[in-house]
Structure formats: C-alpha cells, structure tokens
Amino acid sequence: MDTMEPPPYDFKQLLTLRPGDSAGVEDFVGPIDVAWVPGKGRGILVQRDVPQGELLFACKAMAVAETPKLVEVTCQKLRNCGREDFDAFFLLCTRRATPNDLPQLRHGKGGGVTVIPRMERKEVKREEVQAILSANAHELDTSDLCCQKPGKTVSGIFLLASLVNHSCQPSAARIFLGDMMFVRAARHMRAGDEVTDGYVSVVQPATERRKAIRERYGFDLTGDRILLEEQLFSEAVVQQILDRIDDSAAVEDFIQILDDVGDLVASQLRRLSSASVAVRAAAKAMGCGVERVLLGGLVLAVQVAVATILSDLKRHHEAAAAYCRCCWFMEELAPHNAYHAKWAVEALLSASRGGVALEGYAGYARKVLEGHCGPGALEVALGASKAIQGMEDATRTCPPGEVEVTCRVGKDLTVQLELPGPLSAQDLELAVSSQLLDLSLPIQFGGFGLLPRCRGLLLVLPKEIDPDSGTVRLSQGGRRLKATFKVIN
C-alpha cells in the first residue's frame, strides 16, 4: 500500500473557487480500497485504522457542467477521454444494475480509479450515460463557507466517489471545491470499516429518508438506525410530530416539542429490555449515541428553528447554546458535514455577539471545519469579520455546554462523561440496567434559560453488563463522571 502524504493543498485558496471552477490540483488516493460489501455490492473500505479528519481521497470531476447540460457534456467527454476514464465510467452502476467488475485504485498523489480493459471501446449512447448519471452525479452544493452568492446549479460526475455507498450514519464527510471533491473520515475508523456517505439528508425522519432513497436511487434503506426508528416510532406518531412542527411558530412552542419528543424517546429506550431481539441488537450496535440519533432524526429541524429564532431575537447567548445542541446531535448523525460546519460557525458568531467567553467555541468550530474541509477553513469562513479576536489555535472535540461521552469496551465496559457544569454527589441520580445507563442531570443542558427543569442522558451500552458490578466515580470538581462495569455479553 502506498502511504504517501497528500499534496500540500491550499484550502484557503480552494475555498474561494466557485462550484465547477478548475482547481488546478492533482487527485489523491489514501488508505482505501474497493471491495465487495455484503448486501451492498461494491464499496470502499479503509485499509488501516484512520483517525477522524484524515483525508481519504480527493478526486476531480470527470465532467462538470450546469446541471441541465451535464449529460451532453459527459457524452462529449467520453468521446474524447482516455481509455481508463472511459472504462471506469461504464463500470458505474445504474438504478437497475451493478457491473460485476471490481475497479482497482492507484494510491498516492495523482491516484485514481483504474480498470483492466475487457471490451472494445463502445459507442456512447445518451440514454446509457443518462442512466449512469442519474444514479451517480453530484450537485456541487457544499462550497458555501465563503458565503458566495448562489449562482447556477452545477453538477459533476466523480468516478471514485461514485463507488461510495449510502449510510444513514455516514462515516465520511465530503466537500466540493471548484471541480474537486475532498472526502475525509468523519469518525474514527478501524481497518476494514466502510467509507459511507449520505445520499439524502440524514437529519430527517425515517419515512422521509426511505421515500427519498426509493424515488431517486431505487433501493430500500436497511441498517440499524432505520430498523430502530421504524420499530420504536410508528408513522402515525411521527406524522403527529411533523404536524405539530408545521403548526408552531413561537420559540416556546418549538421548545415544548423538543421537550415532549425527548420524553417520548426516553420512554421508548427505557423499554428496550422488552423489545424484540432485532431491536435490542440494533440499539446495541449503535451504542451510546442512540438517543441523540433518534432525537436528531425526529426534531433536529426544530432545534435549528429554535437557534435561528433566538438569533433573530438577538438572544445571542441562548442562540449559541442552541447551535451547540445542533452540533451535539451532528456528532452522532453526520459529523463534519456541511450543516455541521455551518452550525459550528453560527455558535461561535452568536457567542461573540452575546459577549460570551469564546473559550471552547473557536476550538470546536476549528475542529469541525478542518474535518469538513481542511486547515485554514475557519479563518476563511469568518472572512474579514472583526468579531473574533485572538482565536485559539487548539481544537475541541465537544461543543461547549454539552456532555462529551466516551465509551471503551474490553474485559470491562467504561463510560466517561465530561460534564458542562459541576455535579455534586448529592445530585447524582444514576439508574443502571444490563443495557442502559440512565443519568439525571440538574444542569441546564446547553444553557437554556427556557428549560429550567432537570434534563437527562440515556446511554444505550454496546455490550450487556452486570449492573451490580459497577463502580461509579465523580471527580473532585464534579465535572467528570466515570462508570465501570463487568461485561457479561
């Protein structure tokens, strides 16, 4: 395997490009390979353990054009391109079929997709090109950190990126800069893990994601997240929530929805022990972030509405906290994607406008934007703004005001919580079952003055434990809670 470092991309310069502009930089293929993935067909796997934020690959669009012209531009490109790109294009899937051939990769700088020629160069047929593009083309829609004015919609076809499969909890984050796509690890990944992307927005309810995938890509969603969502929340219940959202306008109404849906999710998770084997297995596989994933799918749009309204009302301190809560959800749903980057910046700007101490806000925004794009992205996003002075250079892994959860599994299972405020031993309320840690927190989660009552945190454990074997320790300052239990399954 080639372990070459990526080229020294200048992301500050790349971020100034308009969608589709020539970036003038070379491709890069990092620690990935193409392989057969059970139940999915072809996919991309990492060859070694990869830290969050590492650049996995960067690829130039084979063809890029205003969206209505992409088919014609691609046909023309295919009639004039080299044999390698020609064959690689026709090895892409359509909505109806996936070729049996497995493309290979050239690693390092200048890397890309390569195939073994198996046929004579064939005639380029518009309908065949259209079918491939309909399943694989990308709209270049995420290069907005510079607040550029929207222009004409531009789309492109990226040969390597077209081999990335969908997940409702993607492991990778992508950004389009000019005519390039850059893809980074959005989570810590182990050797053999699949590189996945969200083909549709993953911050919407299961019914809407399933419908969007069927209509555009022609396949059915599977996986732990959608199984859990559809088993725990009926379509009727989800529709009632959506109707309430549509009928609400005031920030207090939206916060009440967040409160009620939070109670609904908690009640369902507390009943996991009586759920089916499949549901319990799905929850266990998703681990400690299950509550955030379920809440995010149902009401993240409400959380964003709260943040936006508070910002418009110039309640900047609360807006900063609300945007941080959006980011907290995204750490589980789709880390470092374009929404996540936008909300991390909004949290920082709201904190600045509200005169809040910026310690933590800048470090967190830097972490998210570097994971979304690359070094220097935060400075570009802030532009000439004088609101932020002396920003910290360090990064922070958790949004300010939220709980950072770490779970480690070995002979024992250890959960460590970094709390947003001090917790006294007298206030510690922790209920433990074989698969659930249920913690009550008399801290105002996210700093909302509008939510004075005690909030909680439900952690679904990735292994079954002996609840009577545990030791629970609270640090002297009350900001760190560590619980260790013996694993039984």
Protein backbone atom coordinates (compact mmCIF):
# COMPACT_ATOMS: atom_id res chain seq x y z
CA MET A 1 0.00 0.00 0.00
CA ASP A 2 1.27 3.48 -0.89
CA THR A 3 1.46 5.59 2.28
CA MET A 4 2.33 8.85 0.54
CA GLU A 5 1.13 12.04 2.16
CA PRO A 6 -1.49 14.05 0.24
CA PRO A 7 -0.34 17.01 -1.82
CA PRO A 8 0.01 20.33 0.07
CA TYR A 9 -3.47 21.55 -0.86
CA ASP A 10 -4.08 25.24 -0.13
CA PHE A 11 -7.59 25.05 1.27
CA LYS A 12 -7.80 28.79 1.90
CA GLN A 13 -7.37 29.31 -1.85
CA LEU A 14 -9.57 26.36 -2.83
CA LEU A 15 -12.43 27.70 -0.71
CA THR A 16 -12.56 30.86 -2.84
CA LEU A 17 -13.40 28.89 -6.00
CA ARG A 18 -16.89 28.88 -7.43
CA PRO A 19 -18.55 25.49 -7.99
CA GLY A 20 -17.12 23.90 -11.13
CA ASP A 21 -14.07 26.18 -11.45
CA SER A 22 -10.84 24.39 -12.28
CA ALA A 23 -8.94 23.80 -9.03
CA GLY A 24 -5.70 23.04 -10.83
CA VAL A 25 -4.62 20.43 -8.24
CA GLU A 26 -3.93 16.72 -8.55
CA ASP A 27 -6.02 13.84 -7.27
CA PHE A 28 -5.07 11.83 -4.19
CA VAL A 29 -5.99 8.33 -3.03
CA GLY A 30 -5.24 7.50 0.60
CA PRO A 31 -5.65 4.32 2.71
CA ILE A 32 -8.70 2.91 0.90
CA ASP A 33 -9.54 0.06 -1.45
CA VAL A 34 -12.54 -1.08 -3.48
CA ALA A 35 -14.12 -4.32 -2.25
CA TRP A 36 -17.34 -6.30 -2.31
CA VAL A 37 -19.56 -5.32 0.63
CA PRO A 38 -22.18 -7.86 1.79
CA GLY A 39 -25.69 -6.71 0.92
CA LYS A 40 -24.47 -3.64 -0.97
CA GLY A 41 -22.28 -4.73 -3.86
CA ARG A 42 -19.15 -2.70 -4.41
CA GLY A 43 -17.91 -0.26 -1.81
CA ILE A 44 -14.84 1.44 -0.41
CA LEU A 45 -13.10 0.20 2.75
CA VAL A 46 -10.25 1.69 4.76
CA GLN A 47 -7.08 -0.42 4.79
CA ARG A 48 -5.92 0.62 8.26
CA ASP A 49 -7.16 2.43 11.34
CA VAL A 50 -7.93 6.02 10.38
CA PRO A 51 -8.36 8.97 12.77
CA GLN A 52 -11.27 11.36 12.45
CA GLY A 53 -10.48 14.11 9.96
CA GLU A 54 -7.90 12.28 7.85
CA LEU A 55 -8.15 12.91 4.10
CA LEU A 56 -9.25 9.64 2.47
CA PHE A 57 -9.27 10.78 -1.14
CA ALA A 58 -9.55 13.80 -3.39
CA CYS A 59 -10.81 13.47 -6.94
CA LYS A 60 -11.51 15.74 -9.87
CA ALA A 61 -14.83 15.60 -11.67
CA MET A 62 -14.59 13.62 -14.89
CA ALA A 63 -17.22 16.02 -16.23
CA VAL A 64 -18.79 19.12 -14.68
CA ALA A 65 -21.44 21.46 -16.06
CA GLU A 66 -24.61 23.35 -15.28
CA THR A 67 -26.99 20.60 -14.25
CA PRO A 68 -29.25 20.61 -17.37
CA LYS A 69 -26.16 20.32 -19.59
CA LEU A 70 -24.34 17.55 -17.69
CA VAL A 71 -25.49 14.67 -19.90
CA GLU A 72 -24.33 16.34 -23.10
CA VAL A 73 -21.03 17.46 -21.58
CA THR A 74 -20.38 13.96 -20.24
CA CYS A 75 -21.15 12.35 -23.60
CA GLN A 76 -18.69 14.71 -25.28
CA LYS A 77 -16.08 13.96 -22.62
CA LEU A 78 -16.50 10.22 -23.11
CA ARG A 79 -15.96 10.55 -26.86
CA ASN A 80 -12.60 12.24 -26.25
CA CYS A 81 -11.27 10.92 -22.92
CA GLY A 82 -8.63 8.25 -22.34
CA ARG A 83 -9.45 4.56 -22.19
CA GLU A 84 -9.09 4.39 -18.40
CA ASP A 85 -11.72 7.04 -17.63
CA PHE A 86 -13.98 5.64 -20.36
CA ASP A 87 -13.95 2.13 -18.90
CA ALA A 88 -14.23 3.38 -15.32
CA PHE A 89 -17.34 5.41 -16.20
CA PHE A 90 -19.14 2.44 -17.74
CA LEU A 91 -18.31 0.33 -14.68
CA LEU A 92 -20.54 2.58 -12.56
CA CYS A 93 -23.94 1.30 -11.53
CA THR A 94 -27.33 2.45 -12.71
CA ARG A 95 -30.54 2.32 -10.68
CA ARG A 96 -31.19 -1.12 -12.14
CA ALA A 97 -27.83 -2.86 -12.36
CA THR A 98 -24.30 -3.00 -10.97
CA PRO A 99 -21.50 -4.38 -13.19
CA ASN A 100 -19.62 -7.40 -11.86
CA ASP A 101 -16.16 -5.92 -12.40
CA LEU A 102 -14.27 -4.55 -9.41
CA PRO A 103 -12.30 -1.37 -10.17
CA GLN A 104 -8.80 -1.02 -8.73
CA LEU A 105 -7.14 2.08 -7.27
CA ARG A 106 -3.82 3.80 -7.78
CA HIS A 107 -2.74 5.19 -4.41
CA GLY A 108 -0.93 8.37 -3.51
CA LYS A 109 -0.63 11.66 -5.36
CA GLY A 110 -2.22 11.53 -8.78
CA GLY A 111 -4.09 8.36 -7.79
CA GLY A 112 -7.48 7.32 -9.06
CA VAL A 113 -9.64 4.54 -10.43
CA THR A 114 -8.10 2.05 -12.83
CA VAL A 115 -9.68 -0.92 -14.61
CA ILE A 116 -8.47 -3.79 -16.76
CA PRO A 117 -9.79 -3.29 -20.32
CA ARG A 118 -12.27 -6.07 -21.09
CA MET A 119 -14.01 -4.85 -24.21
CA GLU A 120 -13.61 -2.71 -27.25
CA ARG A 121 -14.42 0.94 -26.82
CA LYS A 122 -18.15 1.14 -27.47
CA GLU A 123 -20.47 3.74 -28.85
CA VAL A 124 -21.52 6.45 -26.40
CA LYS A 125 -25.31 6.34 -26.09
CA ARG A 126 -27.06 9.25 -24.44
CA GLU A 127 -29.66 7.11 -22.65
CA GLU A 128 -26.98 4.88 -21.12
CA VAL A 129 -24.98 7.90 -19.96
CA GLN A 130 -28.17 9.43 -18.53
CA ALA A 131 -28.89 6.25 -16.55
CA ILE A 132 -25.41 6.25 -15.01
CA LEU A 133 -25.53 9.95 -14.19
CA SER A 134 -28.96 9.70 -12.58
CA ALA A 135 -27.52 7.25 -10.04
CA ASN A 136 -24.09 8.81 -9.54
CA ALA A 137 -23.92 12.54 -10.36
CA HIS A 138 -23.47 15.04 -7.53
CA GLU A 139 -24.76 18.56 -7.27
CA LEU A 140 -21.83 20.74 -6.17
CA ASP A 141 -23.68 22.16 -3.21
CA THR A 142 -21.37 22.41 -0.20
CA SER A 143 -18.76 25.06 -1.06
CA ASP A 144 -20.59 27.89 0.73
CA LEU A 145 -18.22 28.65 3.62
CA CYS A 146 -17.23 31.89 1.89
CA CYS A 147 -20.90 32.99 1.77
CA GLN A 148 -20.74 33.21 -2.03
CA LYS A 149 -23.89 34.35 -3.76
CA PRO A 150 -25.72 31.35 -5.21
CA GLY A 151 -25.35 31.06 -8.96
CA LYS A 152 -26.49 28.49 -11.47
CA THR A 153 -26.73 24.92 -10.22
CA VAL A 154 -23.64 22.92 -11.18
CA SER A 155 -23.31 19.12 -11.13
CA GLY A 156 -20.48 16.71 -11.78
CA ILE A 157 -19.58 13.04 -12.06
CA PHE A 158 -16.76 11.81 -9.82
CA LEU A 159 -15.58 8.31 -10.71
CA LEU A 160 -14.03 7.29 -7.38
CA ALA A 161 -16.69 8.94 -5.22
CA SER A 162 -19.40 7.10 -7.16
CA LEU A 163 -18.22 3.87 -5.51
CA VAL A 164 -19.10 5.18 -2.02
CA ASN A 165 -22.29 3.63 -0.61
CA HIS A 166 -25.06 5.29 1.41
CA SER A 167 -25.44 5.15 5.17
CA CYS A 168 -27.91 6.89 7.48
CA GLN A 169 -24.92 7.46 9.78
CA PRO A 170 -22.16 8.26 7.27
CA SER A 171 -18.54 7.60 8.17
CA ALA A 172 -17.15 10.22 5.77
CA ALA A 173 -17.64 13.94 5.11
CA ARG A 174 -17.28 15.48 1.66
CA ILE A 175 -16.87 18.97 0.30
CA PHE A 176 -16.79 20.27 -3.27
CA LEU A 177 -14.15 22.90 -4.01
CA GLY A 178 -14.12 24.06 -7.61
CA ASP A 179 -14.17 20.88 -9.70
CA MET A 180 -12.70 18.75 -6.90
CA MET A 181 -14.30 16.58 -4.22
CA PHE A 182 -12.43 16.07 -0.95
CA VAL A 183 -13.52 13.23 1.33
CA ARG A 184 -12.37 12.88 4.94
CA ALA A 185 -13.04 10.38 7.71
CA ALA A 186 -15.91 11.81 9.75
CA ARG A 187 -15.38 9.30 12.54
CA HIS A 188 -12.53 7.25 13.92
CA MET A 189 -12.47 4.19 11.64
CA ARG A 190 -10.95 0.74 12.07
CA ALA A 191 -9.26 -1.25 9.32
CA GLY A 192 -11.98 -2.81 7.16
CA ASP A 193 -14.66 -0.23 8.01
CA GLU A 194 -16.67 1.05 5.06
CA VAL A 195 -16.43 4.61 3.79
CA THR A 196 -20.04 5.81 3.51
CA ASP A 197 -21.90 9.00 2.64
CA GLY A 198 -25.47 10.25 3.00
CA TYR A 199 -27.16 10.15 -0.42
CA VAL A 200 -30.06 12.11 1.08
CA SER A 201 -30.31 14.29 4.16
CA VAL A 202 -29.89 12.08 7.22
CA VAL A 203 -31.35 14.73 9.55
CA GLN A 204 -34.95 13.86 8.73
CA PRO A 205 -37.35 11.12 9.90
CA ALA A 206 -37.01 7.55 8.65
CA THR A 207 -40.14 7.70 6.47
CA GLU A 208 -38.84 10.72 4.56
CA ARG A 209 -35.36 9.22 4.08
CA ARG A 210 -36.82 5.94 2.85
CA LYS A 211 -39.08 7.72 0.37
CA ALA A 212 -36.26 9.94 -0.95
CA ILE A 213 -33.90 6.99 -1.46
CA ARG A 214 -36.54 4.93 -3.26
CA GLU A 215 -37.54 7.76 -5.58
CA ARG A 216 -34.06 8.90 -6.57
CA TYR A 217 -31.89 5.79 -6.29
CA GLY A 218 -34.34 2.89 -6.50
CA PHE A 219 -33.27 0.86 -3.47
CA ASP A 220 -34.60 0.30 0.05
CA LEU A 221 -32.88 1.50 3.17
CA THR A 222 -31.53 -1.06 5.61
CA GLY A 223 -29.39 -0.82 8.70
CA ASP A 224 -29.59 -0.49 12.46
CA ARG A 225 -30.77 3.11 12.55
CA ILE A 226 -33.79 2.79 10.30
CA LEU A 227 -34.79 -0.54 11.86
CA LEU A 228 -34.74 1.03 15.31
CA GLU A 229 -36.62 4.17 14.23
CA GLU A 230 -39.39 2.30 12.45
CA GLN A 231 -39.86 -0.18 15.30
CA LEU A 232 -39.91 2.43 18.07
CA PHE A 233 -41.95 5.16 16.36
CA SER A 234 -44.97 4.41 14.17
CA GLU A 235 -45.67 6.50 11.08
CA ALA A 236 -48.72 7.93 12.86
CA VAL A 237 -46.62 9.12 15.80
CA VAL A 238 -44.03 10.67 13.50
CA GLN A 239 -46.75 12.41 11.49
CA GLN A 240 -48.23 13.88 14.67
CA ILE A 241 -44.81 15.36 15.49
CA LEU A 242 -44.46 16.78 11.97
CA ASP A 243 -47.97 18.29 12.16
CA ARG A 244 -47.12 19.97 15.47
CA ILE A 245 -43.96 21.41 13.90
CA ASP A 246 -45.94 22.79 10.96
CA ASP A 247 -48.47 24.41 13.32
CA SER A 248 -45.84 26.07 15.54
CA ALA A 249 -44.21 29.47 15.18
CA ALA A 250 -43.11 30.75 18.60
CA VAL A 251 -39.83 29.66 20.13
CA GLU A 252 -41.66 28.46 23.25
CA ASP A 253 -43.81 26.14 21.09
CA PHE A 254 -40.75 24.64 19.45
CA ILE A 255 -39.02 24.12 22.78
CA GLN A 256 -42.10 22.33 24.10
CA ILE A 257 -41.91 20.00 21.09
CA LEU A 258 -38.26 19.30 21.88
CA ASP A 259 -39.21 18.55 25.48
CA ASP A 260 -42.09 16.24 24.56
CA VAL A 261 -40.15 14.32 21.90
CA GLY A 262 -37.25 13.99 24.34
CA ASP A 263 -39.64 12.34 26.81
CA LEU A 264 -41.01 10.08 24.06
CA VAL A 265 -37.55 8.89 23.00
CA ALA A 266 -36.52 8.32 26.62
CA SER A 267 -39.64 6.28 27.37
CA GLN A 268 -39.05 4.06 24.34
CA LEU A 269 -35.40 3.49 25.21
CA ARG A 270 -36.32 2.57 28.78
CA ARG A 271 -38.50 -0.22 27.33
CA LEU A 272 -35.67 -1.76 25.30
CA SER A 273 -35.45 -4.79 27.57
CA SER A 274 -38.91 -5.88 26.36
CA ALA A 275 -38.22 -5.16 22.67
CA SER A 276 -37.51 -7.81 20.04
CA VAL A 277 -34.07 -9.38 19.69
CA ALA A 278 -33.53 -7.48 16.42
CA VAL A 279 -34.36 -4.11 18.01
CA ARG A 280 -32.11 -4.74 21.01
CA ALA A 281 -29.29 -5.83 18.72
CA ALA A 282 -29.66 -2.71 16.57
CA ALA A 283 -29.59 -0.46 19.63
CA LYS A 284 -26.54 -2.25 20.98
CA ALA A 285 -24.73 -1.91 17.65
CA MET A 286 -25.39 1.84 17.59
CA GLY A 287 -24.16 2.22 21.16
CA CYS A 288 -24.04 5.27 23.40
CA GLY A 289 -25.19 7.73 20.73
CA VAL A 290 -28.60 6.15 20.12
CA GLU A 291 -30.60 8.80 21.99
CA ARG A 292 -29.00 11.62 20.00
CA VAL A 293 -29.55 9.81 16.69
CA LEU A 294 -33.23 9.21 17.41
CA LEU A 295 -33.82 12.76 18.61
CA GLY A 296 -31.89 14.19 15.69
CA GLY A 297 -33.94 12.31 13.13
CA LEU A 298 -37.20 13.47 14.65
CA VAL A 299 -36.57 17.05 15.75
CA LEU A 300 -33.20 18.40 14.62
CA ALA A 301 -35.10 20.75 12.30
CA VAL A 302 -36.90 22.08 15.38
CA GLN A 303 -33.62 22.60 17.19
CA VAL A 304 -32.33 24.59 14.20
CA ALA A 305 -35.52 26.67 14.19
CA VAL A 306 -35.02 27.46 17.88
CA ALA A 307 -31.44 28.56 17.25
CA THR A 308 -32.44 30.70 14.28
CA ILE A 309 -35.31 32.41 16.10
CA LEU A 310 -33.17 33.13 19.16
CA SER A 311 -30.53 34.64 16.90
CA ASP A 312 -33.13 36.82 15.14
CA LEU A 313 -34.38 37.96 18.56
CA LYS A 314 -30.78 38.91 19.43
CA ARG A 315 -30.80 36.48 22.33
CA HIS A 316 -27.30 35.57 21.30
CA HIS A 317 -26.21 33.66 24.41
CA GLU A 318 -29.15 31.28 24.06
CA ALA A 319 -28.68 31.08 20.29
CA ALA A 320 -25.06 29.99 20.80
CA ALA A 321 -26.25 27.25 23.15
CA ALA A 322 -28.95 26.16 20.69
CA TYR A 323 -26.49 25.90 17.81
CA CYS A 324 -24.17 23.91 20.08
CA ARG A 325 -27.02 21.48 20.69
CA CYS A 326 -27.44 21.13 16.90
CA CYS A 327 -23.74 20.30 16.68
CA TRP A 328 -24.04 17.79 19.53
CA PHE A 329 -26.65 15.89 17.52
CA MET A 330 -24.47 16.05 14.41
CA GLU A 331 -21.53 14.43 16.19
CA GLU A 332 -23.60 11.23 16.08
CA LEU A 333 -25.70 11.75 12.94
CA ALA A 334 -23.24 13.03 10.33
CA PRO A 335 -20.09 14.57 11.80
CA HIS A 336 -18.35 17.34 9.86
CA ASN A 337 -20.88 17.61 7.04
CA ALA A 338 -21.89 20.98 5.59
CA TYR A 339 -24.72 21.55 8.09
CA HIS A 340 -22.43 20.73 10.99
CA ALA A 341 -19.82 23.19 9.73
CA LYS A 342 -22.42 25.94 9.31
CA TRP A 343 -23.85 25.49 12.81
CA ALA A 344 -20.43 25.36 14.46
CA VAL A 345 -19.63 28.75 12.90
CA GLU A 346 -23.04 30.13 13.90
CA ALA A 347 -22.45 29.02 17.51
CA LEU A 348 -19.13 30.86 17.54
CA LEU A 349 -20.56 34.03 16.00
CA SER A 350 -23.58 34.02 18.33
CA ALA A 351 -21.30 33.62 21.34
CA SER A 352 -19.22 36.56 20.11
CA ARG A 353 -22.29 38.77 19.56
CA GLY A 354 -23.58 37.88 23.02
CA GLY A 355 -20.35 38.75 24.76
CA VAL A 356 -19.87 35.15 25.86
CA ALA A 357 -16.35 33.98 26.69
CA LEU A 358 -15.22 32.37 23.45
CA GLU A 359 -13.09 29.71 25.10
CA GLY A 360 -14.19 26.44 23.54
CA TYR A 361 -16.37 27.89 20.77
CA ALA A 362 -13.46 28.73 18.46
CA GLY A 363 -11.67 25.47 19.23
CA TYR A 364 -14.79 23.46 18.47
CA ALA A 365 -15.54 25.35 15.25
CA ARG A 366 -11.95 24.83 14.15
CA LYS A 367 -12.24 21.07 14.74
CA VAL A 368 -15.44 20.81 12.71
CA LEU A 369 -14.31 22.99 9.79
CA GLU A 370 -10.93 21.30 9.47
CA GLY A 371 -12.75 17.95 9.46
CA HIS A 372 -15.19 19.24 6.84
CA CYS A 373 -12.67 20.94 4.58
CA GLY A 374 -9.10 21.30 5.81
CA PRO A 375 -6.62 23.60 7.55
CA GLY A 376 -7.47 27.29 7.38
CA ALA A 377 -11.19 26.76 6.75
CA LEU A 378 -12.32 28.59 9.89
CA GLU A 379 -10.38 31.72 9.01
CA VAL A 380 -11.89 31.70 5.51
CA ALA A 381 -15.41 31.20 6.87
CA LEU A 382 -15.02 34.17 9.21
CA GLY A 383 -13.51 36.29 6.45
CA ALA A 384 -12.87 39.89 7.40
CA SER A 385 -15.06 39.68 10.49
CA LYS A 386 -13.62 41.65 13.39
CA ALA A 387 -15.95 39.99 15.85
CA ILE A 388 -13.46 37.22 16.63
CA GLN A 389 -10.13 38.34 18.01
CA GLY A 390 -7.27 36.15 19.16
CA MET A 391 -8.95 32.84 18.34
CA GLU A 392 -7.42 29.80 19.98
CA ASP A 393 -5.42 27.51 17.72
CA ALA A 394 -6.29 24.34 19.63
CA THR A 395 -9.26 22.16 18.73
CA ARG A 396 -12.04 20.96 20.99
CA THR A 397 -13.93 17.71 20.43
CA CYS A 398 -17.26 18.57 22.10
CA PRO A 399 -19.45 21.66 21.65
CA PRO A 400 -19.48 23.98 24.68
CA GLY A 401 -22.26 23.32 27.16
CA GLU A 402 -22.77 19.70 26.12
CA VAL A 403 -21.79 16.34 27.59
CA GLU A 404 -18.85 14.56 25.99
CA VAL A 405 -19.31 10.79 26.12
CA THR A 406 -16.50 8.26 25.81
CA CYS A 407 -17.15 4.51 25.90
CA ARG A 408 -14.43 1.86 25.98
CA VAL A 409 -15.03 -1.88 25.87
CA GLY A 410 -12.61 -4.59 26.96
CA LYS A 411 -12.95 -7.07 29.79
CA ASP A 412 -14.85 -4.24 31.44
CA LEU A 413 -17.02 -1.52 29.94
CA THR A 414 -16.10 2.02 30.94
CA VAL A 415 -18.21 5.10 30.27
CA GLN A 416 -16.70 8.51 30.95
CA LEU A 417 -18.69 11.73 30.85
CA GLU A 418 -17.18 15.21 30.68
CA LEU A 419 -19.96 17.39 32.08
CA PRO A 420 -20.73 21.01 31.10
CA GLY A 421 -21.05 22.03 34.74
CA PRO A 422 -20.19 20.75 38.21
CA LEU A 423 -22.29 17.92 39.59
CA SER A 424 -22.40 17.19 43.31
CA ALA A 425 -22.57 13.67 44.71
CA GLN A 426 -25.92 14.51 46.30
CA ASP A 427 -27.37 15.43 42.90
CA LEU A 428 -26.08 12.32 41.15
CA GLU A 429 -29.00 10.14 40.05
CA LEU A 430 -27.89 7.13 38.04
CA ALA A 431 -30.02 4.10 37.17
CA VAL A 432 -28.28 1.13 35.56
CA SER A 433 -29.65 -1.91 33.75
CA SER A 434 -27.89 -4.54 31.68
CA GLN A 435 -28.02 -2.36 28.55
CA LEU A 436 -28.83 1.16 29.73
CA LEU A 437 -27.25 3.96 31.74
CA ASP A 438 -29.94 6.45 32.81
CA LEU A 439 -28.47 9.65 34.24
CA SER A 440 -30.39 12.65 35.55
CA LEU A 441 -28.54 15.95 35.33
CA PRO A 442 -29.66 19.01 37.32
CA ILE A 443 -27.61 21.12 34.93
CA GLN A 444 -29.26 23.26 32.28
CA PHE A 445 -28.21 21.30 29.22
CA GLY A 446 -26.94 23.70 26.61
CA GLY A 447 -27.53 26.71 28.87
CA PHE A 448 -31.22 27.23 28.02
CA GLY A 449 -32.89 29.57 30.47
CA LEU A 450 -36.12 28.35 28.89
CA LEU A 451 -35.53 24.80 30.12
CA PRO A 452 -35.10 25.02 33.88
CA ARG A 453 -36.14 21.52 34.76
CA CYS A 454 -33.71 18.65 35.18
CA ARG A 455 -32.53 17.09 31.95
CA GLY A 456 -31.28 13.56 31.50
CA LEU A 457 -28.95 11.47 29.43
CA LEU A 458 -29.74 7.93 28.32
CA LEU A 459 -26.84 5.81 27.10
CA VAL A 460 -27.52 2.51 25.37
CA LEU A 461 -24.48 0.34 26.04
CA PRO A 462 -22.73 -1.56 23.22
CA LYS A 463 -22.36 -4.63 25.49
CA GLU A 464 -24.52 -6.17 28.17
CA ILE A 465 -23.16 -5.57 31.64
CA ASP A 466 -23.68 -6.78 35.18
CA PRO A 467 -25.31 -3.69 36.72
CA ASP A 468 -24.37 -4.82 40.24
CA SER A 469 -20.67 -4.99 39.39
CA GLY A 470 -20.19 -1.30 38.74
CA THR A 471 -18.07 1.38 40.28
CA VAL A 472 -19.08 5.00 39.76
CA ARG A 473 -16.68 7.83 40.50
CA LEU A 474 -17.25 11.57 40.35
CA SER A 475 -14.17 13.75 40.04
CA GLN A 476 -13.32 16.21 42.79
CA GLY A 477 -14.54 19.16 40.74
CA GLY A 478 -17.73 17.35 39.76
CA ARG A 479 -17.17 17.71 36.03
CA ARG A 480 -16.11 14.16 35.20
CA LEU A 481 -18.12 11.01 35.84
CA LYS A 482 -16.58 7.59 35.27
CA ALA A 483 -18.54 4.34 35.49
CA THR A 484 -17.02 0.87 35.04
CA PHE A 485 -18.95 -2.40 34.78
CA LYS A 486 -18.17 -6.05 34.12
CA VAL A 487 -19.19 -7.21 30.62
CA ILE A 488 -21.39 -10.31 30.52
CA ASN A 489 -22.22 -10.44 26.77
